[in-house]
Amino acid sequence: GLHPVMLASSHLAPVSLAGLGVGAAAAIYAFDGYGSVVYFGEELHAAPGLMARVVFRALFAGALFMLVPLLAVIGGAPDLQALIADATPVPSFVRQLGGDTLHRVMSLGVALALFNAMLAISLMGGRQLYSSARDQAWPGRISAAVSRLHLTFNSPWVATTVLGVTGVLWCLAPLNVLLIVIGEGTAAIYACMCVAAIRGRSGAA
């Protein structure tokens, strides 16, 4: 007989433009941030020679660890239509075939991954804020305070603390506000990066 995926695929409806846009946005976020290693470039030995390899190796590992389980879920789903219609398809699949214990273990792994991501973002943002203060992008006293380094570890502890506290305060904001800020903020960042790249290539900057 036919594989369940082949049977289900004949009854699936085409994806709408809105659904395609949401999927593209999710894919961008899933693979976003690998280039952020450049923020730690000043702390890497021989950074110009290592940076590209670090970025591409991390990208390859991330794609492997995301695509392989996803393809396994799609290929092993007893009912592909029910899987796609489910609000939480992967957790539901894991609970259905692996039981509640495996589902809890996976949920714990996701929580730890999110916590690790927040730590990485705080460190990255702290170094970005430190660099702007070091280059005197802020008023004098603010730049002097934010560009302070730890006496022992030589890390930008003030800038990192500012980013961490700011992140905690944003947790108090309503979810719909966060969605708007994150979505519009990301679009604005990408737009500014495109403008900077165009100006840099044209020799205007």
Protein backbone atom coordinates (compact mmCIF):
# COMPACT_ATOMS: atom_id res chain seq x y z
CA GLY A 1 0.00 0.00 0.00
CA LEU A 2 0.89 3.67 -0.16
CA HIS A 3 2.73 5.39 2.64
CA PRO A 4 0.46 7.54 4.86
CA VAL A 5 2.32 10.65 3.72
CA MET A 6 1.46 9.87 0.08
CA LEU A 7 -2.17 9.19 0.94
CA ALA A 8 -2.52 12.39 2.94
CA SER A 9 -0.71 14.55 0.39
CA SER A 10 -3.46 14.02 -2.18
CA HIS A 11 -5.99 15.71 0.14
CA LEU A 12 -3.88 18.67 1.25
CA ALA A 13 -4.97 22.15 0.16
CA PRO A 14 -2.53 24.66 -1.37
CA VAL A 15 -0.82 26.99 1.08
CA SER A 16 -2.20 30.54 1.13
CA LEU A 17 0.03 33.57 0.73
CA ALA A 18 -0.54 34.46 4.38
CA GLY A 19 0.44 30.97 5.45
CA LEU A 20 3.49 31.09 3.22
CA GLY A 21 4.48 34.43 4.77
CA VAL A 22 4.13 33.07 8.29
CA GLY A 23 6.19 30.03 7.34
CA ALA A 24 8.88 32.20 5.78
CA ALA A 25 9.01 34.37 8.91
CA ALA A 26 9.36 31.29 11.10
CA ALA A 27 12.13 29.95 8.86
CA ILE A 28 13.99 33.26 9.05
CA TYR A 29 13.85 33.24 12.84
CA ALA A 30 14.88 29.59 12.93
CA PHE A 31 18.08 30.36 11.01
CA ASP A 32 18.61 33.91 12.24
CA GLY A 33 21.52 34.89 14.43
CA TYR A 34 24.39 32.74 13.20
CA GLY A 35 26.25 35.82 12.03
CA SER A 36 25.97 37.29 15.51
CA VAL A 37 29.25 35.59 16.39
CA VAL A 38 30.93 38.69 14.91
CA TYR A 39 29.99 40.54 18.11
CA PHE A 40 32.50 38.31 19.91
CA GLY A 41 35.17 38.88 17.28
CA GLU A 42 37.32 40.98 19.57
CA GLU A 43 37.51 38.08 22.01
CA LEU A 44 38.53 35.43 19.48
CA HIS A 45 42.13 34.63 18.64
CA ALA A 46 42.79 35.17 14.91
CA ALA A 47 39.14 36.17 14.42
CA PRO A 48 39.37 37.14 10.70
CA GLY A 49 40.50 33.65 9.80
CA LEU A 50 38.08 31.79 12.08
CA MET A 51 34.89 33.82 11.87
CA ALA A 52 33.55 32.48 8.57
CA ARG A 53 34.22 28.87 9.57
CA VAL A 54 32.47 29.34 12.92
CA VAL A 55 29.39 30.86 11.27
CA PHE A 56 29.02 28.22 8.57
CA ARG A 57 29.70 25.30 10.90
CA ALA A 58 27.10 26.58 13.34
CA LEU A 59 24.63 27.08 10.48
CA PHE A 60 25.21 23.54 9.21
CA ALA A 61 24.80 22.04 12.69
CA GLY A 62 21.63 24.04 13.31
CA ALA A 63 20.11 22.98 10.00
CA LEU A 64 20.99 19.35 10.67
CA PHE A 65 19.50 19.31 14.16
CA MET A 66 16.30 20.99 12.95
CA LEU A 67 15.68 19.35 9.60
CA VAL A 68 16.39 15.73 10.56
CA PRO A 69 13.82 15.59 13.41
CA LEU A 70 11.28 17.51 11.32
CA LEU A 71 11.61 15.12 8.40
CA ALA A 72 11.37 12.20 10.81
CA VAL A 73 8.12 13.57 12.25
CA ILE A 74 6.64 14.15 8.78
CA GLY A 75 7.69 10.73 7.56
CA GLY A 76 6.53 8.89 10.67
CA ALA A 77 3.23 10.65 11.29
CA PRO A 78 0.29 8.19 11.19
CA ASP A 79 -2.00 10.97 9.94
CA LEU A 80 -0.26 13.83 8.14
CA GLN A 81 -3.41 15.93 7.85
CA ALA A 82 -4.03 15.72 11.60
CA LEU A 83 -0.39 16.58 12.23
CA ILE A 84 -0.53 19.72 10.08
CA ALA A 85 -3.88 20.78 11.57
CA ASP A 86 -2.57 20.40 15.12
CA ALA A 87 -1.69 23.65 16.90
CA THR A 88 1.46 22.00 18.33
CA PRO A 89 2.28 19.27 15.82
CA VAL A 90 5.72 18.15 17.02
CA PRO A 91 4.89 17.99 20.76
CA SER A 92 1.64 16.17 19.95
CA PHE A 93 3.52 13.67 17.77
CA VAL A 94 6.10 13.05 20.50
CA ARG A 95 3.40 12.58 23.16
CA GLN A 96 1.38 10.27 20.93
CA LEU A 97 4.24 7.93 20.04
CA GLY A 98 6.64 8.43 22.95
CA GLY A 99 4.35 9.04 25.89
CA ASP A 100 4.14 11.77 28.52
CA THR A 101 7.64 11.17 29.88
CA LEU A 102 9.37 11.76 26.55
CA HIS A 103 7.11 14.78 25.98
CA ARG A 104 8.23 16.29 29.31
CA VAL A 105 11.88 15.62 28.51
CA MET A 106 11.52 17.34 25.13
CA SER A 107 9.70 20.29 26.69
CA LEU A 108 12.50 20.65 29.24
CA GLY A 109 15.06 20.60 26.43
CA VAL A 110 13.16 23.34 24.60
CA ALA A 111 13.01 25.45 27.78
CA LEU A 112 16.75 25.05 28.34
CA ALA A 113 17.45 25.97 24.71
CA LEU A 114 15.37 29.14 25.04
CA PHE A 115 17.16 30.05 28.27
CA ASN A 116 20.53 29.51 26.60
CA ALA A 117 19.41 31.65 23.66
CA MET A 118 18.45 34.48 26.01
CA LEU A 119 21.88 34.30 27.64
CA ALA A 120 23.57 34.44 24.24
CA ILE A 121 21.44 37.40 23.15
CA SER A 122 22.25 39.27 26.37
CA LEU A 123 25.98 38.70 25.89
CA MET A 124 25.76 39.67 22.22
CA GLY A 125 23.69 42.78 22.88
CA GLY A 126 25.94 43.77 25.76
CA ARG A 127 28.97 43.74 23.51
CA GLN A 128 27.14 45.71 20.86
CA LEU A 129 26.10 48.33 23.41
CA TYR A 130 29.64 48.39 24.80
CA SER A 131 31.09 48.99 21.34
CA SER A 132 28.73 51.91 20.73
CA ALA A 133 29.71 53.45 24.07
CA ARG A 134 33.41 52.87 23.45
CA ASP A 135 33.05 54.72 20.15
CA GLN A 136 31.38 57.63 21.98
CA ALA A 137 28.00 57.17 20.28
CA TRP A 138 26.24 58.26 23.50
CA PRO A 139 26.63 61.39 25.62
CA GLY A 140 29.93 61.53 27.49
CA ARG A 141 28.87 60.25 30.92
CA ILE A 142 26.71 57.49 29.49
CA SER A 143 29.49 56.33 27.17
CA ALA A 144 31.99 56.35 30.02
CA ALA A 145 29.70 54.30 32.26
CA VAL A 146 28.54 51.76 29.69
CA SER A 147 32.04 51.17 28.30
CA ARG A 148 33.44 50.12 31.68
CA LEU A 149 35.11 46.69 31.77
CA HIS A 150 35.33 44.18 34.58
CA LEU A 151 38.67 44.47 36.39
CA THR A 152 39.26 40.71 36.50
CA PHE A 153 37.50 39.26 33.46
CA ASN A 154 37.85 42.32 31.19
CA SER A 155 34.22 41.86 30.09
CA PRO A 156 31.68 44.68 29.47
CA TRP A 157 29.69 43.96 32.62
CA VAL A 158 27.83 47.29 32.75
CA ALA A 159 26.53 47.04 29.19
CA THR A 160 25.60 43.38 29.67
CA THR A 161 23.77 44.18 32.90
CA VAL A 162 21.85 46.98 31.18
CA LEU A 163 20.76 44.59 28.42
CA GLY A 164 19.79 41.91 30.94
CA VAL A 165 17.70 44.28 33.07
CA THR A 166 16.05 45.69 29.95
CA GLY A 167 15.14 42.17 28.83
CA VAL A 168 13.61 41.38 32.21
CA LEU A 169 11.51 44.55 32.09
CA TRP A 170 10.25 43.66 28.61
CA CYS A 171 8.89 40.43 30.11
CA LEU A 172 6.30 42.59 31.87
CA ALA A 173 4.93 43.94 28.57
CA PRO A 174 1.81 42.37 26.98
CA LEU A 175 2.46 39.64 24.44
CA ASN A 176 0.78 41.52 21.56
CA VAL A 177 3.06 44.51 22.20
CA LEU A 178 6.12 42.26 22.18
CA LEU A 179 5.05 40.69 18.89
CA ILE A 180 4.70 44.11 17.26
CA VAL A 181 7.99 45.40 18.64
CA ILE A 182 9.92 42.27 17.66
CA GLY A 183 8.38 42.04 14.20
CA GLU A 184 8.69 45.71 13.30
CA GLY A 185 12.07 45.98 15.00
CA THR A 186 13.46 43.06 13.01
CA ALA A 187 12.14 44.53 9.76
CA ALA A 188 13.71 47.89 10.62
CA ILE A 189 17.06 46.25 11.43
CA TYR A 190 17.12 44.37 8.12
CA ALA A 191 16.14 47.53 6.23
CA CYS A 192 18.97 49.49 7.86
CA MET A 193 21.42 46.68 7.07
CA CYS A 194 20.36 46.74 3.42
CA VAL A 195 20.77 50.51 3.23
CA ALA A 196 24.20 50.28 4.90
CA ALA A 197 25.29 47.53 2.49
CA ILE A 198 24.14 49.55 -0.53
CA ARG A 199 25.90 52.68 0.68
CA GLY A 200 29.05 50.72 1.48
CA ARG A 201 29.16 49.12 -1.96
CA SER A 202 28.57 52.44 -3.67
CA GLY A 203 31.49 54.00 -1.81
CA ALA A 204 29.31 56.57 -0.10
CA ALA A 205 30.21 55.30 3.39
